[in-house]
Amino acid sequence: MKSYLITVLIVLGSLSLNAQETKIEVKKGDIFEIVKPSGNNYKHINFPRKNIILKKGGVLTNQTVNGKEVIVTKVTKKNNGSTKIKVKPTDGTGFYKVIKSVSINFEEAIKSGEIRVKEDS
């Protein structure tokens, strides 16, 4: 009976360790990379609608956005605990060739894999 109890405690302890999330703190000047979305559109990166991009003379291919390094220009903490960041490309070109900066729902974008921390090379 003791061995069953010990086994259950070990299993529950290991499950609780795996359930903990790593919290990423973001600050102005951090560099991230935009990753290809799982679907056709980004859900947590707030790009303008396609017709607005076209009216400004932009190019509507995600190839101009995928893999782009961005730098954080503003960090805003919301009352509900979420973080909204404003980013611009590090190379000075715009998103879709015309959009200078966009806002991102940080926690959701990290969880969904739309952005990731840029690895130092």
PDB file of N, CA and C in Angstrom:
ATOM      1  N   MET A   1       0.824  -1.196   0.000  1.00  0.00           N
ATOM      2  CA  MET A   1       0.000   0.000   0.000  1.00  0.00           C
ATOM      3  C   MET A   1       0.866   1.258   0.000  1.00  0.00           C
ATOM      4  N   LYS A   2       1.959   1.235   0.772  1.00  0.00           N
ATOM      5  CA  LYS A   2       2.850   2.385   0.816  1.00  0.00           C
ATOM      6  C   LYS A   2       3.496   2.620  -0.546  1.00  0.00           C
ATOM      7  N   SER A   3       3.822   1.547  -1.236  1.00  0.00           N
ATOM      8  CA  SER A   3       4.473   1.709  -2.544  1.00  0.00           C
ATOM      9  C   SER A   3       3.521   2.365  -3.549  1.00  0.00           C
ATOM     10  N   TYR A   4       2.220   2.035  -3.487  1.00  0.00           N
ATOM     11  CA  TYR A   4       1.245   2.679  -4.373  1.00  0.00           C
ATOM     12  C   TYR A   4       1.131   4.165  -4.063  1.00  0.00           C
ATOM     13  N   LEU A   5       1.101   4.489  -2.789  1.00  0.00           N
ATOM     14  CA  LEU A   5       1.000   5.882  -2.378  1.00  0.00           C
ATOM     15  C   LEU A   5       2.227   6.679  -2.830  1.00  0.00           C
ATOM     16  N   ILE A   6       3.398   6.101  -2.657  1.00  0.00           N
ATOM     17  CA  ILE A   6       4.630   6.774  -3.073  1.00  0.00           C
ATOM     18  C   ILE A   6       4.652   6.954  -4.587  1.00  0.00           C
ATOM     19  N   THR A   7       4.214   5.939  -5.313  1.00  0.00           N
ATOM     20  CA  THR A   7       4.178   6.022  -6.775  1.00  0.00           C
ATOM     21  C   THR A   7       3.227   7.122  -7.238  1.00  0.00           C
ATOM     22  N   VAL A   8       2.064   7.202  -6.627  1.00  0.00           N
ATOM     23  CA  VAL A   8       1.093   8.233  -6.988  1.00  0.00           C
ATOM     24  C   VAL A   8       1.657   9.622  -6.692  1.00  0.00           C
ATOM     25  N   LEU A   9       2.310   9.801  -5.567  1.00  0.00           N
ATOM     26  CA  LEU A   9       2.889  11.096  -5.221  1.00  0.00           C
ATOM     27  C   LEU A   9       3.988  11.499  -6.205  1.00  0.00           C
ATOM     28  N   ILE A  10       4.807  10.554  -6.606  1.00  0.00           N
ATOM     29  CA  ILE A  10       5.876  10.853  -7.561  1.00  0.00           C
ATOM     30  C   ILE A  10       5.291  11.252  -8.912  1.00  0.00           C
ATOM     31  N   VAL A  11       4.272  10.527  -9.359  1.00  0.00           N
ATOM     32  CA  VAL A  11       3.643  10.842 -10.642  1.00  0.00           C
ATOM     33  C   VAL A  11       2.994  12.217 -10.597  1.00  0.00           C
ATOM     34  N   LEU A  12       2.261  12.518  -9.548  1.00  0.00           N
ATOM     35  CA  LEU A  12       1.618  13.829  -9.430  1.00  0.00           C
ATOM     36  C   LEU A  12       2.651  14.955  -9.338  1.00  0.00           C
ATOM     37  N   GLY A  13       3.728  14.707  -8.634  1.00  0.00           N
ATOM     38  CA  GLY A  13       4.787  15.707  -8.527  1.00  0.00           C
ATOM     39  C   GLY A  13       5.444  15.989  -9.859  1.00  0.00           C
ATOM     40  N   SER A  14       5.693  14.952 -10.634  1.00  0.00           N
ATOM     41  CA  SER A  14       6.323  15.164 -11.940  1.00  0.00           C
ATOM     42  C   SER A  14       5.371  15.852 -12.911  1.00  0.00           C
ATOM     43  N   LEU A  15       4.077  15.565 -12.819  1.00  0.00           N
ATOM     44  CA  LEU A  15       3.105  16.238 -13.680  1.00  0.00           C
ATOM     45  C   LEU A  15       3.001  17.719 -13.349  1.00  0.00           C
ATOM     46  N   SER A  16       3.059  18.057 -12.081  1.00  0.00           N
ATOM     47  CA  SER A  16       2.960  19.464 -11.705  1.00  0.00           C
ATOM     48  C   SER A  16       4.209  20.234 -12.128  1.00  0.00           C
ATOM     49  N   LEU A  17       5.357  19.588 -12.164  1.00  0.00           N
ATOM     50  CA  LEU A  17       6.566  20.258 -12.633  1.00  0.00           C
ATOM     51  C   LEU A  17       6.488  20.558 -14.125  1.00  0.00           C
ATOM     52  N   ASN A  18       5.929  19.635 -14.889  1.00  0.00           N
ATOM     53  CA  ASN A  18       5.811  19.840 -16.330  1.00  0.00           C
ATOM     54  C   ASN A  18       4.751  20.874 -16.679  1.00  0.00           C
ATOM     55  N   ALA A  19       3.798  21.101 -15.810  1.00  0.00           N
ATOM     56  CA  ALA A  19       2.698  22.014 -16.093  1.00  0.00           C
ATOM     57  C   ALA A  19       3.091  23.482 -15.934  1.00  0.00           C
ATOM     58  N   GLN A  20       4.224  23.754 -15.296  1.00  0.00           N
ATOM     59  CA  GLN A  20       4.621  25.135 -15.072  1.00  0.00           C
ATOM     60  C   GLN A  20       5.105  25.762 -16.370  1.00  0.00           C
ATOM     61  N   GLU A  21       4.668  26.977 -16.631  1.00  0.00           N
ATOM     62  CA  GLU A  21       5.069  27.703 -17.827  1.00  0.00           C
ATOM     63  C   GLU A  21       6.288  28.556 -17.522  1.00  0.00           C
ATOM     64  N   THR A  22       7.092  28.769 -18.545  1.00  0.00           N
ATOM     65  CA  THR A  22       8.180  29.718 -18.394  1.00  0.00           C
ATOM     66  C   THR A  22       7.664  31.081 -18.822  1.00  0.00           C
ATOM     67  N   LYS A  23       7.833  32.051 -17.978  1.00  0.00           N
ATOM     68  CA  LYS A  23       7.330  33.405 -18.227  1.00  0.00           C
ATOM     69  C   LYS A  23       8.437  34.206 -18.898  1.00  0.00           C
ATOM     70  N   ILE A  24       8.133  34.779 -20.041  1.00  0.00           N
ATOM     71  CA  ILE A  24       9.089  35.605 -20.762  1.00  0.00           C
ATOM     72  C   ILE A  24       8.768  37.063 -20.459  1.00  0.00           C
ATOM     73  N   GLU A  25       9.732  37.763 -19.929  1.00  0.00           N
ATOM     74  CA  GLU A  25       9.562  39.188 -19.667  1.00  0.00           C
ATOM     75  C   GLU A  25      10.020  39.957 -20.898  1.00  0.00           C
ATOM     76  N   VAL A  26       9.222  40.886 -21.330  1.00  0.00           N
ATOM     77  CA  VAL A  26       9.545  41.673 -22.515  1.00  0.00           C
ATOM     78  C   VAL A  26       9.766  43.117 -22.108  1.00  0.00           C
ATOM     79  N   LYS A  27      10.743  43.752 -22.736  1.00  0.00           N
ATOM     80  CA  LYS A  27      11.025  45.159 -22.452  1.00  0.00           C
ATOM     81  C   LYS A  27      11.383  45.866 -23.757  1.00  0.00           C
ATOM     82  N   LYS A  28      11.369  47.154 -23.737  1.00  0.00           N
ATOM     83  CA  LYS A  28      11.678  47.954 -24.918  1.00  0.00           C
ATOM     84  C   LYS A  28      13.099  47.629 -25.383  1.00  0.00           C
ATOM     85  N   GLY A  29      13.244  47.375 -26.679  1.00  0.00           N
ATOM     86  CA  GLY A  29      14.553  47.057 -27.241  1.00  0.00           C
ATOM     87  C   GLY A  29      14.786  45.573 -27.473  1.00  0.00           C
ATOM     88  N   ASP A  30      13.900  44.704 -26.970  1.00  0.00           N
ATOM     89  CA  ASP A  30      14.034  43.264 -27.216  1.00  0.00           C
ATOM     90  C   ASP A  30      13.807  42.967 -28.691  1.00  0.00           C
ATOM     91  N   ILE A  31      14.473  41.919 -29.176  1.00  0.00           N
ATOM     92  CA  ILE A  31      14.347  41.543 -30.583  1.00  0.00           C
ATOM     93  C   ILE A  31      13.658  40.192 -30.683  1.00  0.00           C
ATOM     94  N   PHE A  32      12.642  40.121 -31.537  1.00  0.00           N
ATOM     95  CA  PHE A  32      11.892  38.895 -31.794  1.00  0.00           C
ATOM     96  C   PHE A  32      11.892  38.622 -33.287  1.00  0.00           C
ATOM     97  N   GLU A  33      11.486  37.408 -33.630  1.00  0.00           N
ATOM     98  CA  GLU A  33      11.372  37.024 -35.031  1.00  0.00           C
ATOM     99  C   GLU A  33       9.940  36.608 -35.308  1.00  0.00           C
ATOM    100  N   ILE A  34       9.377  37.104 -36.396  1.00  0.00           N
ATOM    101  CA  ILE A  34       8.028  36.711 -36.795  1.00  0.00           C
ATOM    102  C   ILE A  34       8.135  35.398 -37.553  1.00  0.00           C
ATOM    103  N   VAL A  35       7.310  34.433 -37.164  1.00  0.00           N
ATOM    104  CA  VAL A  35       7.346  33.094 -37.739  1.00  0.00           C
ATOM    105  C   VAL A  35       6.099  32.903 -38.594  1.00  0.00           C
ATOM    106  N   LYS A  36       6.193  32.028 -39.575  1.00  0.00           N
ATOM    107  CA  LYS A  36       5.060  31.736 -40.460  1.00  0.00           C
ATOM    108  C   LYS A  36       3.879  31.247 -39.626  1.00  0.00           C
ATOM    109  N   PRO A  37       2.674  31.780 -39.864  1.00  0.00           N
ATOM    110  CA  PRO A  37       1.510  31.354 -39.077  1.00  0.00           C
ATOM    111  C   PRO A  37       1.072  29.944 -39.452  1.00  0.00           C
ATOM    112  N   SER A  38       0.346  29.307 -38.538  1.00  0.00           N
ATOM    113  CA  SER A  38      -0.136  27.951 -38.808  1.00  0.00           C
ATOM    114  C   SER A  38      -1.229  27.953 -39.870  1.00  0.00           C
ATOM    115  N   GLY A  39      -1.985  29.019 -39.969  1.00  0.00           N
ATOM    116  CA  GLY A  39      -3.031  29.145 -40.991  1.00  0.00           C
ATOM    117  C   GLY A  39      -2.609  30.142 -42.055  1.00  0.00           C
ATOM    118  N   ASN A  40      -3.584  30.774 -42.675  1.00  0.00           N
ATOM    119  CA  ASN A  40      -3.287  31.772 -43.702  1.00  0.00           C
ATOM    120  C   ASN A  40      -2.967  33.137 -43.118  1.00  0.00           C
ATOM    121  N   ASN A  41      -3.543  33.449 -41.959  1.00  0.00           N
ATOM    122  CA  ASN A  41      -3.408  34.787 -41.381  1.00  0.00           C
ATOM    123  C   ASN A  41      -2.826  34.714 -39.981  1.00  0.00           C
ATOM    124  N   TYR A  42      -2.262  35.841 -39.565  1.00  0.00           N
ATOM    125  CA  TYR A  42      -1.797  35.976 -38.192  1.00  0.00           C
ATOM    126  C   TYR A  42      -2.991  36.325 -37.321  1.00  0.00           C
ATOM    127  N   LYS A  43      -3.112  35.660 -36.182  1.00  0.00           N
ATOM    128  CA  LYS A  43      -4.251  35.905 -35.299  1.00  0.00           C
ATOM    129  C   LYS A  43      -3.921  36.888 -34.181  1.00  0.00           C
ATOM    130  N   HIS A  44      -2.670  36.931 -33.751  1.00  0.00           N
ATOM    131  CA  HIS A  44      -2.308  37.742 -32.591  1.00  0.00           C
ATOM    132  C   HIS A  44      -1.377  38.900 -32.942  1.00  0.00           C
ATOM    133  N   ILE A  45      -1.001  38.988 -34.211  1.00  0.00           N
ATOM    134  CA  ILE A  45      -0.266  40.150 -34.706  1.00  0.00           C
ATOM    135  C   ILE A  45      -1.280  40.991 -35.471  1.00  0.00           C
ATOM    136  N   ASN A  46      -1.451  42.216 -35.057  1.00  0.00           N
ATOM    137  CA  ASN A  46      -2.540  43.055 -35.565  1.00  0.00           C
ATOM    138  C   ASN A  46      -2.128  43.851 -36.801  1.00  0.00           C
ATOM    139  N   PHE A  47      -2.013  43.139 -37.932  1.00  0.00           N
ATOM    140  CA  PHE A  47      -1.759  43.812 -39.203  1.00  0.00           C
ATOM    141  C   PHE A  47      -3.050  44.453 -39.685  1.00  0.00           C
ATOM    142  N   PRO A  48      -2.958  45.526 -40.474  1.00  0.00           N
ATOM    143  CA  PRO A  48      -4.175  46.108 -41.053  1.00  0.00           C
ATOM    144  C   PRO A  48      -4.830  45.124 -42.026  1.00  0.00           C
ATOM    145  N   ARG A  49      -6.078  45.394 -42.350  1.00  0.00           N
ATOM    146  CA  ARG A  49      -6.776  44.538 -43.309  1.00  0.00           C
ATOM    147  C   ARG A  49      -6.101  44.626 -44.673  1.00  0.00           C
ATOM    148  N   LYS A  50      -6.331  43.604 -45.484  1.00  0.00           N
ATOM    149  CA  LYS A  50      -5.657  43.501 -46.782  1.00  0.00           C
ATOM    150  C   LYS A  50      -5.975  44.668 -47.704  1.00  0.00           C
ATOM    151  N   ASN A  51      -7.219  45.158 -47.674  1.00  0.00           N
ATOM    152  CA  ASN A  51      -7.559  46.264 -48.569  1.00  0.00           C
ATOM    153  C   ASN A  51      -6.802  47.540 -48.204  1.00  0.00           C
ATOM    154  N   ILE A  52      -6.507  47.741 -46.940  1.00  0.00           N
ATOM    155  CA  ILE A  52      -5.746  48.921 -46.511  1.00  0.00           C
ATOM    156  C   ILE A  52      -4.309  48.816 -47.018  1.00  0.00           C
ATOM    157  N   ILE A  53      -3.736  47.619 -46.918  1.00  0.00           N
ATOM    158  CA  ILE A  53      -2.365  47.417 -47.399  1.00  0.00           C
ATOM    159  C   ILE A  53      -2.295  47.669 -48.902  1.00  0.00           C
ATOM    160  N   LEU A  54      -3.277  47.159 -49.638  1.00  0.00           N
ATOM    161  CA  LEU A  54      -3.301  47.365 -51.091  1.00  0.00           C
ATOM    162  C   LEU A  54      -3.472  48.837 -51.457  1.00  0.00           C
ATOM    163  N   LYS A  55      -4.325  49.561 -50.726  1.00  0.00           N
ATOM    164  CA  LYS A  55      -4.537  50.987 -51.006  1.00  0.00           C
ATOM    165  C   LYS A  55      -3.256  51.795 -50.811  1.00  0.00           C
ATOM    166  N   LYS A  56      -2.430  51.365 -49.860  1.00  0.00           N
ATOM    167  CA  LYS A  56      -1.170  52.064 -49.613  1.00  0.00           C
ATOM    168  C   LYS A  56      -0.065  51.633 -50.572  1.00  0.00           C
ATOM    169  N   GLY A  57      -0.352  50.642 -51.433  1.00  0.00           N
ATOM    170  CA  GLY A  57       0.643  50.192 -52.407  1.00  0.00           C
ATOM    171  C   GLY A  57       1.514  49.056 -51.918  1.00  0.00           C
ATOM    172  N   GLY A  58       1.034  48.302 -50.943  1.00  0.00           N
ATOM    173  CA  GLY A  58       1.813  47.216 -50.377  1.00  0.00           C
ATOM    174  C   GLY A  58       1.722  45.923 -51.170  1.00  0.00           C
ATOM    175  N   VAL A  59       2.524  44.956 -50.761  1.00  0.00           N
ATOM    176  CA  VAL A  59       2.568  43.636 -51.379  1.00  0.00           C
ATOM    177  C   VAL A  59       1.959  42.649 -50.395  1.00  0.00           C
ATOM    178  N   LEU A  60       0.969  41.874 -50.842  1.00  0.00           N
ATOM    179  CA  LEU A  60       0.212  41.013 -49.934  1.00  0.00           C
ATOM    180  C   LEU A  60       0.752  39.593 -49.812  1.00  0.00           C
ATOM    181  N   THR A  61       2.037  39.403 -49.802  1.00  0.00           N
ATOM    182  CA  THR A  61       2.570  38.059 -49.592  1.00  0.00           C
ATOM    183  C   THR A  61       3.177  37.982 -48.201  1.00  0.00           C
ATOM    184  N   ASN A  62       2.935  36.866 -47.530  1.00  0.00           N
ATOM    185  CA  ASN A  62       3.504  36.686 -46.198  1.00  0.00           C
ATOM    186  C   ASN A  62       5.011  36.482 -46.251  1.00  0.00           C
ATOM    187  N   GLN A  63       5.584  36.277 -47.430  1.00  0.00           N
ATOM    188  CA  GLN A  63       7.028  36.114 -47.548  1.00  0.00           C
ATOM    189  C   GLN A  63       7.764  37.383 -47.139  1.00  0.00           C
ATOM    190  N   THR A  64       7.103  38.531 -47.265  1.00  0.00           N
ATOM    191  CA  THR A  64       7.738  39.779 -46.844  1.00  0.00           C
ATOM    192  C   THR A  64       7.732  39.938 -45.324  1.00  0.00           C
ATOM    193  N   VAL A  65       6.964  39.087 -44.630  1.00  0.00           N
ATOM    194  CA  VAL A  65       6.842  39.186 -43.172  1.00  0.00           C
ATOM    195  C   VAL A  65       7.512  37.999 -42.474  1.00  0.00           C
ATOM    196  N   ASN A  66       7.401  36.797 -43.042  1.00  0.00           N
ATOM    197  CA  ASN A  66       7.944  35.590 -42.411  1.00  0.00           C
ATOM    198  C   ASN A  66       9.453  35.706 -42.209  1.00  0.00           C
ATOM    199  N   GLY A  67       9.900  35.420 -40.990  1.00  0.00           N
ATOM    200  CA  GLY A  67      11.320  35.470 -40.674  1.00  0.00           C
ATOM    201  C   GLY A  67      11.856  36.863 -40.414  1.00  0.00           C
ATOM    202  N   LYS A  68      11.019  37.861 -40.425  1.00  0.00           N
ATOM    203  CA  LYS A  68      11.461  39.250 -40.230  1.00  0.00           C
ATOM    204  C   LYS A  68      11.772  39.492 -38.758  1.00  0.00           C
ATOM    205  N   GLU A  69      12.920  40.098 -38.506  1.00  0.00           N
ATOM    206  CA  GLU A  69      13.294  40.470 -37.146  1.00  0.00           C
ATOM    207  C   GLU A  69      12.629  41.795 -36.803  1.00  0.00           C
ATOM    208  N   VAL A  70      12.078  41.850 -35.590  1.00  0.00           N
ATOM    209  CA  VAL A  70      11.411  43.069 -35.142  1.00  0.00           C
ATOM    210  C   VAL A  70      11.965  43.486 -33.788  1.00  0.00           C
ATOM    211  N   ILE A  71      11.917  44.773 -33.530  1.00  0.00           N
ATOM    212  CA  ILE A  71      12.378  45.314 -32.250  1.00  0.00           C
ATOM    213  C   ILE A  71      11.183  45.939 -31.534  1.00  0.00           C
ATOM    214  N   VAL A  72      11.121  45.722 -30.235  1.00  0.00           N
ATOM    215  CA  VAL A  72      10.011  46.235 -29.426  1.00  0.00           C
ATOM    216  C   VAL A  72      10.222  47.726 -29.192  1.00  0.00           C
ATOM    217  N   THR A  73       9.205  48.524 -29.527  1.00  0.00           N
ATOM    218  CA  THR A  73       9.285  49.969 -29.325  1.00  0.00           C
ATOM    219  C   THR A  73       8.435  50.448 -28.153  1.00  0.00           C
ATOM    220  N   LYS A  74       7.420  49.660 -27.766  1.00  0.00           N
ATOM    221  CA  LYS A  74       6.533  50.062 -26.671  1.00  0.00           C
ATOM    222  C   LYS A  74       5.940  48.817 -26.027  1.00  0.00           C
ATOM    223  N   VAL A  75       5.860  48.808 -24.706  1.00  0.00           N
ATOM    224  CA  VAL A  75       5.261  47.705 -23.956  1.00  0.00           C
ATOM    225  C   VAL A  75       4.131  48.265 -23.112  1.00  0.00           C
ATOM    226  N   THR A  76       2.935  47.660 -23.221  1.00  0.00           N
ATOM    227  CA  THR A  76       1.773  48.099 -22.454  1.00  0.00           C
ATOM    228  C   THR A  76       1.191  46.908 -21.716  1.00  0.00           C
ATOM    229  N   LYS A  77       1.104  47.012 -20.384  1.00  0.00           N
ATOM    230  CA  LYS A  77       0.471  45.975 -19.564  1.00  0.00           C
ATOM    231  C   LYS A  77      -0.997  46.332 -19.391  1.00  0.00           C
ATOM    232  N   LYS A  78      -1.865  45.388 -19.677  1.00  0.00           N
ATOM    233  CA  LYS A  78      -3.306  45.600 -19.537  1.00  0.00           C
ATOM    234  C   LYS A  78      -3.753  45.229 -18.124  1.00  0.00           C
ATOM    235  N   ASN A  79      -4.945  45.663 -17.729  1.00  0.00           N
ATOM    236  CA  ASN A  79      -5.490  45.355 -16.405  1.00  0.00           C
ATOM    237  C   ASN A  79      -5.752  43.870 -16.214  1.00  0.00           C
ATOM    238  N   ASN A  80      -6.070  43.157 -17.298  1.00  0.00           N
ATOM    239  CA  ASN A  80      -6.354  41.723 -17.180  1.00  0.00           C
ATOM    240  C   ASN A  80      -5.082  40.882 -17.146  1.00  0.00           C
ATOM    241  N   GLY A  81      -3.919  41.505 -17.139  1.00  0.00           N
ATOM    242  CA  GLY A  81      -2.663  40.776 -17.035  1.00  0.00           C
ATOM    243  C   GLY A  81      -1.979  40.513 -18.363  1.00  0.00           C
ATOM    244  N   SER A  82      -2.641  40.813 -19.460  1.00  0.00           N
ATOM    245  CA  SER A  82      -2.026  40.569 -20.765  1.00  0.00           C
ATOM    246  C   SER A  82      -1.068  41.711 -21.110  1.00  0.00           C
ATOM    247  N   THR A  83      -0.198  41.434 -22.052  1.00  0.00           N
ATOM    248  CA  THR A  83       0.790  42.413 -22.476  1.00  0.00           C
ATOM    249  C   THR A  83       0.628  42.675 -23.962  1.00  0.00           C
ATOM    250  N   LYS A  84       0.578  43.938 -24.329  1.00  0.00           N
ATOM    251  CA  LYS A  84       0.509  44.325 -25.732  1.00  0.00           C
ATOM    252  C   LYS A  84       1.803  45.062 -26.053  1.00  0.00           C
ATOM    253  N   ILE A  85       2.462  44.655 -27.135  1.00  0.00           N
ATOM    254  CA  ILE A  85       3.707  45.305 -27.522  1.00  0.00           C
ATOM    255  C   ILE A  85       3.555  45.908 -28.912  1.00  0.00           C
ATOM    256  N   LYS A  86       4.311  46.949 -29.149  1.00  0.00           N
ATOM    257  CA  LYS A  86       4.353  47.566 -30.475  1.00  0.00           C
ATOM    258  C   LYS A  86       5.752  47.308 -31.020  1.00  0.00           C
ATOM    259  N   VAL A  87       5.833  46.826 -32.262  1.00  0.00           N
ATOM    260  CA  VAL A  87       7.120  46.462 -32.847  1.00  0.00           C
ATOM    261  C   VAL A  87       7.283  47.110 -34.213  1.00  0.00           C
ATOM    262  N   LYS A  88       8.545  47.253 -34.613  1.00  0.00           N
ATOM    263  CA  LYS A  88       8.871  47.699 -35.964  1.00  0.00           C
ATOM    264  C   LYS A  88      10.030  46.839 -36.465  1.00  0.00           C
ATOM    265  N   PRO A  89      10.171  46.683 -37.771  1.00  0.00           N
ATOM    266  CA  PRO A  89      11.261  45.863 -38.311  1.00  0.00           C
ATOM    267  C   PRO A  89      12.623  46.472 -37.998  1.00  0.00           C
ATOM    268  N   THR A  90      13.610  45.607 -37.747  1.00  0.00           N
ATOM    269  CA  THR A  90      14.951  46.098 -37.432  1.00  0.00           C
ATOM    270  C   THR A  90      15.669  46.628 -38.663  1.00  0.00           C
ATOM    271  N   ASP A  91      15.285  46.156 -39.848  1.00  0.00           N
ATOM    272  CA  ASP A  91      15.976  46.585 -41.067  1.00  0.00           C
ATOM    273  C   ASP A  91      15.439  47.894 -41.635  1.00  0.00           C
ATOM    274  N   GLY A  92      14.418  48.466 -41.028  1.00  0.00           N
ATOM    275  CA  GLY A  92      13.889  49.755 -41.457  1.00  0.00           C
ATOM    276  C   GLY A  92      12.828  49.685 -42.538  1.00  0.00           C
ATOM    277  N   THR A  93      12.686  48.534 -43.200  1.00  0.00           N
ATOM    278  CA  THR A  93      11.627  48.408 -44.199  1.00  0.00           C
ATOM    279  C   THR A  93      10.315  48.164 -43.480  1.00  0.00           C
ATOM    280  N   GLY A  94       9.218  48.381 -44.148  1.00  0.00           N
ATOM    281  CA  GLY A  94       7.916  48.179 -43.527  1.00  0.00           C
ATOM    282  C   GLY A  94       7.410  46.762 -43.717  1.00  0.00           C
ATOM    283  N   PHE A  95       6.415  46.387 -42.922  1.00  0.00           N
ATOM    284  CA  PHE A  95       5.716  45.125 -43.135  1.00  0.00           C
ATOM    285  C   PHE A  95       4.912  45.267 -44.416  1.00  0.00           C
ATOM    286  N   TYR A  96       4.916  44.265 -45.241  1.00  0.00           N
ATOM    287  CA  TYR A  96       4.246  44.310 -46.545  1.00  0.00           C
ATOM    288  C   TYR A  96       4.689  45.536 -47.337  1.00  0.00           C
ATOM    289  N   LYS A  97       5.880  46.020 -47.064  1.00  0.00           N
ATOM    290  CA  LYS A  97       6.532  47.157 -47.732  1.00  0.00           C
ATOM    291  C   LYS A  97       5.953  48.526 -47.379  1.00  0.00           C
ATOM    292  N   VAL A  98       4.850  48.608 -46.620  1.00  0.00           N
ATOM    293  CA  VAL A  98       4.244  49.920 -46.348  1.00  0.00           C
ATOM    294  C   VAL A  98       3.891  50.168 -44.880  1.00  0.00           C
ATOM    295  N   ILE A  99       3.746  49.140 -44.064  1.00  0.00           N
ATOM    296  CA  ILE A  99       3.313  49.306 -42.673  1.00  0.00           C
ATOM    297  C   ILE A  99       4.553  49.455 -41.789  1.00  0.00           C
ATOM    298  N   LYS A 100       4.686  50.585 -41.110  1.00  0.00           N
ATOM    299  CA  LYS A 100       5.889  50.876 -40.325  1.00  0.00           C
ATOM    300  C   LYS A 100       5.956  50.123 -39.000  1.00  0.00           C
ATOM    301  N   SER A 101       4.810  49.961 -38.321  1.00  0.00           N
ATOM    302  CA  SER A 101       4.811  49.254 -37.041  1.00  0.00           C
ATOM    303  C   SER A 101       3.453  48.599 -36.823  1.00  0.00           C
ATOM    304  N   VAL A 102       3.447  47.547 -35.990  1.00  0.00           N
ATOM    305  CA  VAL A 102       2.206  46.839 -35.663  1.00  0.00           C
ATOM    306  C   VAL A 102       2.197  46.532 -34.173  1.00  0.00           C
ATOM    307  N   SER A 103       1.002  46.251 -33.651  1.00  0.00           N
ATOM    308  CA  SER A 103       0.884  45.830 -32.257  1.00  0.00           C
ATOM    309  C   SER A 103       0.674  44.323 -32.214  1.00  0.00           C
ATOM    310  N   ILE A 104       1.134  43.717 -31.122  1.00  0.00           N
ATOM    311  CA  ILE A 104       1.075  42.264 -30.953  1.00  0.00           C
ATOM    312  C   ILE A 104       0.548  41.960 -29.562  1.00  0.00           C
ATOM    313  N   ASN A 105      -0.384  41.011 -29.464  1.00  0.00           N
ATOM    314  CA  ASN A 105      -0.796  40.465 -28.171  1.00  0.00           C
ATOM    315  C   ASN A 105       0.275  39.454 -27.785  1.00  0.00           C
ATOM    316  N   PHE A 106       1.175  39.850 -26.894  1.00  0.00           N
ATOM    317  CA  PHE A 106       2.429  39.142 -26.682  1.00  0.00           C
ATOM    318  C   PHE A 106       2.259  37.697 -26.228  1.00  0.00           C
ATOM    319  N   GLU A 107       1.537  37.462 -25.140  1.00  0.00           N
ATOM    320  CA  GLU A 107       1.429  36.105 -24.598  1.00  0.00           C
ATOM    321  C   GLU A 107       0.801  35.143 -25.605  1.00  0.00           C
ATOM    322  N   GLU A 108      -0.270  35.589 -26.264  1.00  0.00           N
ATOM    323  CA  GLU A 108      -0.954  34.724 -27.224  1.00  0.00           C
ATOM    324  C   GLU A 108      -0.071  34.441 -28.434  1.00  0.00           C
ATOM    325  N   ALA A 109       0.679  35.431 -28.884  1.00  0.00           N
ATOM    326  CA  ALA A 109       1.549  35.240 -30.045  1.00  0.00           C
ATOM    327  C   ALA A 109       2.691  34.277 -29.730  1.00  0.00           C
ATOM    328  N   ILE A 110       3.227  34.352 -28.519  1.00  0.00           N
ATOM    329  CA  ILE A 110       4.289  33.413 -28.123  1.00  0.00           C
ATOM    330  C   ILE A 110       3.731  32.001 -28.034  1.00  0.00           C
ATOM    331  N   LYS A 111       2.554  31.851 -27.391  1.00  0.00           N
ATOM    332  CA  LYS A 111       1.943  30.519 -27.245  1.00  0.00           C
ATOM    333  C   LYS A 111       1.623  29.889 -28.589  1.00  0.00           C
ATOM    334  N   SER A 112       1.100  30.686 -29.517  1.00  0.00           N
ATOM    335  CA  SER A 112       0.700  30.141 -30.815  1.00  0.00           C
ATOM    336  C   SER A 112       1.883  29.983 -31.765  1.00  0.00           C
ATOM    337  N   GLY A 113       3.032  30.525 -31.415  1.00  0.00           N
ATOM    338  CA  GLY A 113       4.215  30.374 -32.253  1.00  0.00           C
ATOM    339  C   GLY A 113       4.316  31.387 -33.375  1.00  0.00           C
ATOM    340  N   GLU A 114       3.563  32.475 -33.305  1.00  0.00           N
ATOM    341  CA  GLU A 114       3.641  33.494 -34.350  1.00  0.00           C
ATOM    342  C   GLU A 114       4.905  34.336 -34.226  1.00  0.00           C
ATOM    343  N   ILE A 115       5.410  34.488 -32.997  1.00  0.00           N
ATOM    344  CA  ILE A 115       6.701  35.149 -32.798  1.00  0.00           C
ATOM    345  C   ILE A 115       7.538  34.270 -31.887  1.00  0.00           C
ATOM    346  N   ARG A 116       8.840  34.459 -31.966  1.00  0.00           N
ATOM    347  CA  ARG A 116       9.747  33.754 -31.060  1.00  0.00           C
ATOM    348  C   ARG A 116      10.917  34.665 -30.742  1.00  0.00           C
ATOM    349  N   VAL A 117      11.576  34.354 -29.636  1.00  0.00           N
ATOM    350  CA  VAL A 117      12.724  35.139 -29.215  1.00  0.00           C
ATOM    351  C   VAL A 117      13.843  34.899 -30.217  1.00  0.00           C
ATOM    352  N   LYS A 118      14.466  35.955 -30.671  1.00  0.00           N
ATOM    353  CA  LYS A 118      15.544  35.840 -31.650  1.00  0.00           C
ATOM    354  C   LYS A 118      16.766  35.248 -30.970  1.00  0.00           C
ATOM    355  N   GLU A 119      17.273  34.173 -31.549  1.00  0.00           N
ATOM    356  CA  GLU A 119      18.465  33.516 -31.011  1.00  0.00           C
ATOM    357  C   GLU A 119      19.695  34.332 -31.385  1.00  0.00           C
ATOM    358  N   ASP A 120      20.614  34.497 -30.437  1.00  0.00           N
ATOM    359  CA  ASP A 120      21.867  35.196 -30.732  1.00  0.00           C
ATOM    360  C   ASP A 120      22.737  34.300 -31.596  1.00  0.00           C
ATOM    361  N   SER A 121      23.297  34.881 -32.649  1.00  0.00           N
ATOM    362  CA  SER A 121      24.164  34.069 -33.508  1.00  0.00           C
ATOM    363  C   SER A 121      25.565  34.602 -33.557  1.00  0.00           C
TER     364      SER A 121
END
